[in-house]
Protein backbone atom coordinates (compact mmCIF):
# COMPACT_ATOMS: atom_id res chain seq x y z
CA MET A 1 29.68 47.23 43.58
CA THR A 2 26.52 48.93 42.45
CA SER A 3 28.86 50.97 39.67
CA TYR A 4 30.27 47.85 38.63
CA ILE A 5 26.87 46.41 37.67
CA LYS A 6 25.83 49.47 36.16
CA THR A 7 29.06 49.51 34.02
CA GLY A 8 28.77 45.67 33.08
CA ASP A 9 24.95 46.34 32.17
CA ASN A 10 25.60 49.41 29.86
CA GLY A 11 28.59 47.49 28.35
CA PHE A 12 25.91 44.91 27.37
CA ARG A 13 23.51 47.47 26.09
CA ASN A 14 25.99 49.17 24.07
CA TYR A 15 27.04 45.82 22.64
CA LEU A 16 23.11 45.53 21.93
CA ARG A 17 22.94 48.75 20.35
CA GLN A 18 25.99 48.22 18.15
CA HIS A 19 24.79 44.82 16.99
CA LYS A 20 21.19 44.93 16.71
CA ARG A 21 21.02 44.61 12.68
CA GLN A 22 23.50 41.62 13.02
CA LEU A 23 21.60 39.78 15.68
CA THR A 24 18.33 40.63 14.11
CA ILE A 25 19.59 39.10 10.64
CA ALA A 26 21.27 36.00 12.73
CA GLY A 27 17.35 35.45 14.43
CA TYR A 28 15.81 35.46 10.99
CA VAL A 29 18.22 33.20 9.47
CA VAL A 30 17.98 30.58 12.57
CA THR A 31 14.08 30.95 12.06
CA ALA A 32 14.37 30.44 8.46
CA ILE A 33 16.64 27.27 9.03
CA TYR A 34 14.21 25.98 11.41
CA LEU A 35 11.30 26.59 9.11
CA LEU A 36 12.66 24.90 6.18
CA PHE A 37 13.58 21.52 8.05
CA SER A 38 10.22 21.74 9.26
CA LEU A 39 8.81 22.14 5.95
CA ILE A 40 10.89 19.46 4.57
CA PHE A 41 11.24 16.64 7.44
CA SER A 42 8.38 17.04 9.67
CA ASP A 43 5.48 14.71 10.15
CA LEU A 44 3.73 16.90 7.67
CA GLY A 45 6.66 17.60 5.48
CA LEU A 46 7.51 17.26 1.99
CA LEU A 47 8.91 14.01 2.29
CA LYS A 48 5.88 12.74 3.97
CA TYR A 49 3.71 14.40 1.51
CA PHE A 50 5.37 12.75 -1.56
CA SER A 51 5.47 9.47 -0.03
CA ILE A 52 1.88 9.23 0.72
CA LYS A 53 1.23 10.95 -2.74
CA ARG A 54 3.42 7.93 -4.45
CA ASP A 55 1.13 5.50 -2.07
CA HIS A 56 -2.01 7.05 -3.25
CA ASN A 57 -1.08 6.71 -7.11
CA ARG A 58 0.05 3.09 -6.55
CA LEU A 59 -3.24 2.42 -4.44
CA SER A 60 -5.48 4.09 -6.93
CA HIS A 61 -3.96 2.14 -10.05
CA GLU A 62 -4.35 -0.98 -8.06
CA ILE A 63 -7.95 -0.19 -7.37
CA SER A 64 -8.76 0.58 -11.11
CA GLN A 65 -7.09 -2.99 -11.77
CA LEU A 66 -9.50 -4.47 -9.38
CA ASP A 67 -12.30 -2.73 -10.62
CA SER A 68 -11.55 -4.06 -13.94
CA SER A 69 -11.40 -7.50 -12.80
CA ASN A 70 -14.37 -7.31 -10.73
CA LYS A 71 -16.48 -5.84 -14.17
CA SER A 72 -15.14 -8.92 -15.78
CA LEU A 73 -16.33 -11.48 -13.04
CA ARG A 74 -19.64 -9.97 -12.82
CA GLU A 75 -20.15 -10.23 -16.34
CA GLU A 76 -19.26 -13.81 -16.36
CA VAL A 77 -21.38 -14.52 -13.56
CA THR A 78 -24.33 -13.14 -15.42
CA LYS A 79 -23.34 -15.38 -18.50
CA LEU A 80 -23.24 -18.15 -16.11
CA LYS A 81 -26.77 -17.63 -14.98
CA THR A 82 -28.41 -16.51 -18.11
CA ASP A 83 -26.41 -17.92 -21.18
CA PRO A 84 -26.76 -21.38 -21.77
CA ASP A 85 -24.40 -21.57 -24.74
CA TYR A 86 -21.82 -20.05 -22.79
CA ILE A 87 -22.50 -22.55 -19.80
CA GLU A 88 -21.96 -25.40 -22.32
CA SER A 89 -18.94 -23.87 -23.80
CA ILE A 90 -17.20 -23.89 -20.05
CA ALA A 91 -18.40 -27.45 -19.72
CA ARG A 92 -16.87 -28.59 -23.05
CA ASP A 93 -13.50 -26.59 -22.40
CA LYS A 94 -13.07 -27.15 -18.65
CA LEU A 95 -14.70 -30.35 -17.91
CA GLY A 96 -14.27 -32.13 -21.31
CA LEU A 97 -17.66 -32.90 -21.47
CA VAL A 98 -19.66 -33.86 -25.14
CA LYS A 99 -22.97 -34.28 -26.07
CA GLU A 100 -24.58 -37.54 -26.82
CA GLY A 101 -23.87 -38.98 -29.95
CA GLU A 102 -20.49 -36.66 -30.54
CA LYS A 103 -17.27 -37.98 -31.36
CA VAL A 104 -13.74 -36.52 -29.75
CA TYR A 105 -10.76 -36.74 -31.58
CA LYS A 106 -7.78 -35.90 -29.63
CA PHE A 107 -4.48 -35.59 -31.66
CA GLU A 108 -1.02 -35.68 -29.61
CA GLU A 109 1.52 -33.29 -31.08
CA ARG A 110 4.46 -35.20 -32.54
CA THR A 111 8.03 -33.64 -31.92
CA ASN A 112 10.49 -34.01 -34.63
CA GLN A 113 13.17 -36.43 -33.43
CA LYS A 114 16.12 -37.04 -35.82
């Protein structure tokens, strides 16, 4: 029984010696494929990176627009606090107010009906 195990063991060792290069290359290929899939599909992979980058660019653009809007609103608040002419123009345009003694003429637009 002991000789059977040794013969089987020697056969496996011989197989490993003869195919060592192919087994090593196969191991490297399997490792490279695993690393490639990890690089692309993992939580920190390229797909996630590009998704996050796209979201970052979209949010940066949105922040830029909101900053511009905030600046305009701040300027309007400043004018409303300090500029009486601006307040008057808003009152005339939006509320339809007029000064005492002024006359308002309203013109209706006619449509050509034949």
